[in-house]
Amino acid sequence: MSIRDIIEGKKEWRAHVARVKALPKDYQIVYKEMQKYFFKVGPVELTDGTDLLSGIVDLFEEGAAQGKDVLDVTGSDVAAFCDELIKDSDTYADIWQEAADQEVNRAMKMSQDKRK
C-alpha cells in the first residue's frame, strides 16, 4: 500500500464520517451502535473497506429525507437487522466458532488415542 493509497483512504473515511455527522441524532446513535456491532462480530471484509457502512449511511440518509424514524428503517431489533445484512458473509464469530470446534475435535481425538 502506497502513501497515496493511505491518504486517499483517510480522505474517504473523513468524508464518510462527515456524512454520519450530518444525519439526525437518532440515526447517528443507531449507526454508531451498528458500527460497534460490526467491528466486534461483523464481516471479515469490513476491514477491507467501508462499502457496508457507506450503504447503511445511504439508507439512513434516504430514511431521514423521508422523515422516517430510524427504527422504522431498521426495525426495533437493530442486531437482527445487522445480522441480516451480513448473513452471507464470513464473520469473526464464525471464525472463532470454527477454531473452537477444531480445538475440541483435536482434544477429543487425542483423548481417544490415549485410551487405545
Protein backbone atom coordinates (compact mmCIF):
# COMPACT_ATOMS: atom_id res chain seq x y z
CA MET A 1 0.00 0.00 0.00
CA SER A 2 1.46 3.32 -1.05
CA ILE A 3 1.37 6.61 0.79
CA ARG A 4 -1.08 7.86 -1.82
CA ASP A 5 -3.44 4.94 -1.05
CA ILE A 6 -3.26 5.68 2.67
CA ILE A 7 -4.00 9.37 2.14
CA GLU A 8 -6.88 8.56 -0.21
CA GLY A 9 -8.29 6.08 2.30
CA LYS A 10 -8.18 8.70 5.05
CA LYS A 11 -9.95 11.23 2.81
CA GLU A 12 -12.68 8.70 2.05
CA TRP A 13 -13.09 7.85 5.74
CA ARG A 14 -13.29 11.53 6.72
CA ALA A 15 -15.97 12.10 4.07
CA HIS A 16 -17.85 9.08 5.41
CA VAL A 17 -17.67 10.37 8.99
CA ALA A 18 -18.91 13.78 7.81
CA ARG A 19 -21.94 12.10 6.24
CA VAL A 20 -22.68 10.30 9.51
CA LYS A 21 -22.40 13.56 11.47
CA ALA A 22 -24.89 15.18 9.09
CA LEU A 23 -27.55 12.59 9.99
CA PRO A 24 -30.20 13.33 12.63
CA LYS A 25 -29.04 12.47 16.16
CA ASP A 26 -31.16 9.29 16.49
CA TYR A 27 -29.73 7.98 13.21
CA GLN A 28 -26.21 8.76 14.42
CA ILE A 29 -26.78 6.82 17.64
CA VAL A 30 -28.08 3.74 15.82
CA TYR A 31 -25.31 3.96 13.19
CA LYS A 32 -22.61 4.07 15.88
CA GLU A 33 -24.11 1.05 17.66
CA MET A 34 -24.28 -0.84 14.37
CA GLN A 35 -20.68 0.09 13.63
CA LYS A 36 -19.58 -1.25 17.05
CA TYR A 37 -21.56 -4.43 16.42
CA PHE A 38 -19.92 -4.98 13.04
CA PHE A 39 -16.45 -4.30 14.40
CA LYS A 40 -16.97 -6.86 17.16
CA VAL A 41 -18.64 -9.74 15.34
CA GLY A 42 -19.14 -8.47 11.86
CA PRO A 43 -17.91 -9.45 8.48
CA VAL A 44 -14.23 -10.04 7.94
CA GLU A 45 -14.46 -7.99 4.72
CA LEU A 46 -15.31 -4.87 6.75
CA THR A 47 -11.61 -4.35 7.38
CA ASP A 48 -11.03 -4.03 3.61
CA GLY A 49 -13.35 -1.08 3.04
CA THR A 50 -16.45 0.74 4.03
CA ASP A 51 -18.95 -0.48 1.41
CA LEU A 52 -21.26 -1.93 4.07
CA LEU A 53 -21.05 1.16 6.26
CA SER A 54 -21.49 3.51 3.29
CA GLY A 55 -24.54 1.54 2.23
CA ILE A 56 -26.03 1.98 5.69
CA VAL A 57 -25.39 5.73 5.54
CA ASP A 58 -27.09 5.81 2.12
CA LEU A 59 -30.10 4.01 3.60
CA PHE A 60 -30.16 6.30 6.64
CA GLU A 61 -29.88 9.46 4.52
CA GLU A 62 -32.84 8.28 2.45
CA GLY A 63 -34.88 7.43 5.55
CA ALA A 64 -34.10 10.77 7.18
CA ALA A 65 -35.00 12.63 3.98
CA GLN A 66 -38.37 10.87 4.00
CA GLY A 67 -38.90 11.91 7.62
CA LYS A 68 -38.84 8.32 8.92
CA ASP A 69 -37.80 7.39 12.42
CA VAL A 70 -34.56 5.40 12.38
CA LEU A 71 -36.30 2.34 13.86
CA ASP A 72 -38.80 2.47 11.00
CA VAL A 73 -35.79 1.94 8.73
CA THR A 74 -34.01 -0.79 10.73
CA GLY A 75 -36.85 -2.30 12.73
CA SER A 76 -36.82 -2.43 16.52
CA ASP A 77 -34.26 -5.25 16.65
CA VAL A 78 -31.19 -3.50 15.31
CA ALA A 79 -28.92 -6.51 15.95
CA ALA A 80 -31.21 -8.70 13.82
CA PHE A 81 -31.08 -6.04 11.10
CA CYS A 82 -27.27 -6.14 11.25
CA ASP A 83 -27.26 -9.94 11.15
CA GLU A 84 -29.46 -9.88 8.06
CA LEU A 85 -27.05 -7.50 6.31
CA ILE A 86 -24.10 -9.84 6.88
CA LYS A 87 -25.88 -13.20 6.70
CA ASP A 88 -23.87 -14.37 3.67
CA SER A 89 -20.52 -13.06 4.91
CA ASP A 90 -17.85 -14.78 6.96
CA THR A 91 -17.76 -13.18 10.39
CA TYR A 92 -15.22 -13.15 13.16
CA ALA A 93 -17.76 -15.09 15.23
CA ASP A 94 -17.79 -17.82 12.55
CA ILE A 95 -14.01 -17.98 12.60
CA TRP A 96 -13.96 -18.24 16.40
CA GLN A 97 -16.63 -20.95 16.38
CA GLU A 98 -14.75 -22.94 13.77
CA ALA A 99 -11.48 -22.63 15.71
CA ALA A 100 -13.20 -23.74 18.94
CA ASP A 101 -14.78 -26.73 17.19
CA GLN A 102 -11.44 -27.75 15.69
CA GLU A 103 -9.74 -27.46 19.07
CA VAL A 104 -12.41 -29.59 20.76
CA ASN A 105 -12.27 -32.19 17.98
CA ARG A 106 -8.48 -32.34 18.21
CA ALA A 107 -8.61 -32.70 22.00
CA MET A 108 -11.25 -35.42 21.75
CA LYS A 109 -9.19 -37.32 19.17
CA MET A 110 -6.09 -37.13 21.38
CA SER A 111 -8.13 -38.35 24.34
CA GLN A 112 -9.47 -41.29 22.34
CA ASP A 113 -5.99 -42.15 21.05
CA LYS A 114 -4.69 -42.31 24.63
CA ARG A 115 -7.44 -44.77 25.60
CA LYS A 116 -6.41 -47.22 22.87
